[in-house]
Amino acid sequence: MSSYNTMFKLSIKEVDLIESSIRSQISQFSRLDATETHSVAVDSHKRIIELMHVMGTLHNQKIWYGQVHHTGVPMG
């Protein structure tokens, strides 16, 4: 039986494109929040929360700069 692929290899440009697209979607939903009826505003707010969660997940999976000792072992 096949299963979902859990490991993805994306370039920095691809991750940047994904993040830009998510930010654009959040912007569109936030404009809806301000102009629509209560039920539409609640739905768009829920979508914004979901998208922010995805942004947080991407952020937490990034490997940030870390100083490396001359032996090749990361410090701290």
N, C-alpha and C. Protein backbone atom coordinates (compact mmCIF):
# COMPACT_ATOMS: atom_id res chain seq x y z
N MET A 1 0.85 -1.18 0.00
CA MET A 1 0.00 0.00 0.00
C MET A 1 0.89 1.24 0.00
N SER A 2 0.56 2.21 -0.82
CA SER A 2 1.36 3.43 -0.89
C SER A 2 1.01 4.37 0.27
N SER A 3 1.94 5.26 0.56
CA SER A 3 1.71 6.23 1.63
C SER A 3 2.12 7.61 1.14
N TYR A 4 1.78 8.61 1.91
CA TYR A 4 2.11 9.98 1.56
C TYR A 4 3.61 10.22 1.67
N ASN A 5 4.12 11.07 0.81
CA ASN A 5 5.52 11.50 0.89
C ASN A 5 5.63 12.49 2.04
N THR A 6 6.49 12.22 3.01
CA THR A 6 6.63 13.10 4.17
C THR A 6 7.86 13.99 4.09
N MET A 7 8.72 13.76 3.11
CA MET A 7 9.93 14.56 2.95
C MET A 7 9.87 15.29 1.61
N PHE A 8 10.01 16.60 1.66
CA PHE A 8 9.99 17.40 0.45
C PHE A 8 11.31 18.14 0.34
N LYS A 9 11.84 18.25 -0.86
CA LYS A 9 13.05 19.01 -1.11
C LYS A 9 12.67 20.23 -1.93
N LEU A 10 12.74 21.39 -1.30
CA LEU A 10 12.40 22.64 -1.96
C LEU A 10 13.59 23.57 -1.92
N SER A 11 13.75 24.36 -2.97
CA SER A 11 14.82 25.35 -2.98
C SER A 11 14.38 26.56 -2.15
N ILE A 12 15.33 27.43 -1.87
CA ILE A 12 15.01 28.65 -1.11
C ILE A 12 14.02 29.50 -1.89
N LYS A 13 14.19 29.57 -3.20
CA LYS A 13 13.27 30.35 -4.03
C LYS A 13 11.85 29.78 -3.98
N GLU A 14 11.74 28.45 -3.97
CA GLU A 14 10.42 27.82 -3.91
C GLU A 14 9.75 28.09 -2.57
N VAL A 15 10.50 28.02 -1.49
CA VAL A 15 9.95 28.31 -0.16
C VAL A 15 9.52 29.77 -0.10
N ASP A 16 10.33 30.67 -0.66
CA ASP A 16 9.99 32.09 -0.69
C ASP A 16 8.71 32.32 -1.48
N LEU A 17 8.55 31.62 -2.60
CA LEU A 17 7.34 31.74 -3.40
C LEU A 17 6.11 31.26 -2.62
N ILE A 18 6.25 30.16 -1.92
CA ILE A 18 5.15 29.63 -1.10
C ILE A 18 4.77 30.64 -0.02
N GLU A 19 5.77 31.18 0.67
CA GLU A 19 5.50 32.15 1.74
C GLU A 19 4.85 33.42 1.19
N SER A 20 5.31 33.89 0.03
CA SER A 20 4.71 35.08 -0.59
C SER A 20 3.25 34.83 -0.97
N SER A 21 2.98 33.65 -1.48
CA SER A 21 1.61 33.29 -1.85
C SER A 21 0.71 33.23 -0.62
N ILE A 22 1.22 32.67 0.45
CA ILE A 22 0.42 32.58 1.68
C ILE A 22 0.16 33.98 2.23
N ARG A 23 1.17 34.85 2.21
CA ARG A 23 0.98 36.23 2.69
C ARG A 23 -0.08 36.95 1.84
N SER A 24 -0.06 36.71 0.53
CA SER A 24 -1.05 37.32 -0.36
C SER A 24 -2.46 36.84 -0.01
N GLN A 25 -2.60 35.55 0.24
CA GLN A 25 -3.90 35.00 0.62
C GLN A 25 -4.38 35.60 1.95
N ILE A 26 -3.47 35.72 2.91
CA ILE A 26 -3.83 36.30 4.20
C ILE A 26 -4.31 37.74 4.00
N SER A 27 -3.63 38.48 3.14
CA SER A 27 -4.02 39.86 2.86
C SER A 27 -5.42 39.93 2.25
N GLN A 28 -5.70 39.04 1.30
CA GLN A 28 -7.03 39.02 0.68
C GLN A 28 -8.11 38.68 1.70
N PHE A 29 -7.85 37.69 2.55
CA PHE A 29 -8.84 37.32 3.56
C PHE A 29 -9.02 38.41 4.60
N SER A 30 -7.97 39.15 4.92
CA SER A 30 -8.12 40.22 5.91
C SER A 30 -8.95 41.36 5.34
N ARG A 31 -8.86 41.60 4.02
CA ARG A 31 -9.73 42.61 3.40
C ARG A 31 -11.18 42.16 3.45
N LEU A 32 -11.43 40.86 3.26
CA LEU A 32 -12.79 40.34 3.36
C LEU A 32 -13.33 40.51 4.77
N ASP A 33 -12.46 40.31 5.75
CA ASP A 33 -12.84 40.45 7.16
C ASP A 33 -13.48 41.80 7.42
N ALA A 34 -12.95 42.84 6.80
CA ALA A 34 -13.39 44.20 7.09
C ALA A 34 -14.64 44.61 6.32
N THR A 35 -14.93 43.94 5.20
CA THR A 35 -16.01 44.44 4.34
C THR A 35 -17.24 43.54 4.26
N GLU A 36 -17.17 42.32 4.70
CA GLU A 36 -18.28 41.38 4.50
C GLU A 36 -19.14 41.23 5.76
N THR A 37 -20.15 40.38 5.63
CA THR A 37 -21.05 40.10 6.73
C THR A 37 -20.33 39.30 7.82
N HIS A 38 -20.99 39.14 8.93
CA HIS A 38 -20.38 38.47 10.08
C HIS A 38 -19.96 37.04 9.76
N SER A 39 -20.83 36.26 9.11
CA SER A 39 -20.49 34.85 8.83
C SER A 39 -19.31 34.74 7.87
N VAL A 40 -19.24 35.61 6.86
CA VAL A 40 -18.11 35.59 5.93
C VAL A 40 -16.84 36.03 6.65
N ALA A 41 -16.97 37.02 7.53
CA ALA A 41 -15.81 37.50 8.29
C ALA A 41 -15.28 36.40 9.20
N VAL A 42 -16.16 35.64 9.82
CA VAL A 42 -15.73 34.54 10.70
C VAL A 42 -15.01 33.46 9.88
N ASP A 43 -15.56 33.12 8.71
CA ASP A 43 -14.92 32.12 7.85
C ASP A 43 -13.55 32.59 7.38
N SER A 44 -13.45 33.85 6.97
CA SER A 44 -12.16 34.35 6.51
C SER A 44 -11.15 34.42 7.65
N HIS A 45 -11.63 34.73 8.85
CA HIS A 45 -10.75 34.75 10.02
C HIS A 45 -10.20 33.34 10.31
N LYS A 46 -11.04 32.34 10.17
CA LYS A 46 -10.59 30.96 10.36
C LYS A 46 -9.53 30.58 9.33
N ARG A 47 -9.74 31.01 8.08
CA ARG A 47 -8.75 30.74 7.04
C ARG A 47 -7.42 31.43 7.34
N ILE A 48 -7.50 32.66 7.84
CA ILE A 48 -6.28 33.40 8.20
C ILE A 48 -5.51 32.64 9.27
N ILE A 49 -6.21 32.12 10.26
CA ILE A 49 -5.56 31.36 11.33
C ILE A 49 -4.90 30.11 10.76
N GLU A 50 -5.58 29.40 9.85
CA GLU A 50 -4.99 28.21 9.22
C GLU A 50 -3.73 28.56 8.44
N LEU A 51 -3.78 29.65 7.68
CA LEU A 51 -2.63 30.06 6.88
C LEU A 51 -1.48 30.51 7.77
N MET A 52 -1.77 31.19 8.86
CA MET A 52 -0.72 31.60 9.79
C MET A 52 -0.07 30.37 10.44
N HIS A 53 -0.87 29.33 10.67
CA HIS A 53 -0.32 28.09 11.21
C HIS A 53 0.66 27.46 10.22
N VAL A 54 0.30 27.47 8.93
CA VAL A 54 1.20 26.94 7.90
C VAL A 54 2.48 27.77 7.86
N MET A 55 2.36 29.09 7.94
CA MET A 55 3.55 29.96 7.95
C MET A 55 4.44 29.62 9.15
N GLY A 56 3.83 29.39 10.30
CA GLY A 56 4.60 29.02 11.49
C GLY A 56 5.30 27.68 11.33
N THR A 57 4.62 26.73 10.70
CA THR A 57 5.22 25.42 10.47
C THR A 57 6.43 25.54 9.54
N LEU A 58 6.29 26.33 8.47
CA LEU A 58 7.42 26.55 7.57
C LEU A 58 8.58 27.22 8.32
N HIS A 59 8.24 28.22 9.12
CA HIS A 59 9.26 28.95 9.87
C HIS A 59 10.02 28.02 10.82
N ASN A 60 9.30 27.16 11.50
CA ASN A 60 9.93 26.28 12.48
C ASN A 60 10.78 25.18 11.85
N GLN A 61 10.59 24.90 10.57
CA GLN A 61 11.38 23.87 9.91
C GLN A 61 12.63 24.41 9.24
N LYS A 62 12.78 25.73 9.25
CA LYS A 62 13.97 26.33 8.64
C LYS A 62 15.17 26.10 9.53
N ILE A 63 16.32 25.91 8.90
CA ILE A 63 17.57 25.79 9.64
C ILE A 63 18.25 27.14 9.56
N TRP A 64 18.37 27.78 10.71
CA TRP A 64 18.93 29.11 10.77
C TRP A 64 20.45 29.04 10.90
N TYR A 65 21.11 30.13 10.64
CA TYR A 65 22.56 30.22 10.71
C TYR A 65 23.05 29.74 12.07
N GLY A 66 24.03 28.91 12.07
CA GLY A 66 24.65 28.45 13.30
C GLY A 66 26.16 28.44 13.13
N GLN A 67 26.85 28.95 14.09
CA GLN A 67 28.30 29.00 14.02
C GLN A 67 28.86 27.58 14.12
N VAL A 68 29.87 27.29 13.31
CA VAL A 68 30.46 25.96 13.28
C VAL A 68 31.92 26.07 13.75
N HIS A 69 32.29 25.19 14.67
CA HIS A 69 33.67 25.14 15.19
C HIS A 69 34.58 24.63 14.09
N HIS A 70 35.87 24.90 14.19
CA HIS A 70 36.82 24.47 13.14
C HIS A 70 36.87 22.95 12.96
N THR A 71 36.29 22.20 13.91
CA THR A 71 36.24 20.74 13.77
C THR A 71 35.03 20.31 12.94
N GLY A 72 34.16 21.27 12.59
CA GLY A 72 32.96 20.93 11.82
C GLY A 72 31.76 20.64 12.69
N VAL A 73 31.94 20.71 14.00
CA VAL A 73 30.85 20.43 14.94
C VAL A 73 30.15 21.76 15.26
N PRO A 74 28.80 21.82 15.14
CA PRO A 74 28.10 23.05 15.48
C PRO A 74 28.32 23.44 16.94
N MET A 75 28.47 24.72 17.18
CA MET A 75 28.67 25.23 18.55
C MET A 75 27.31 25.58 19.14
N GLY A 76 27.06 25.12 20.34
CA GLY A 76 25.85 25.48 21.06
C GLY A 76 24.69 24.88 20.49
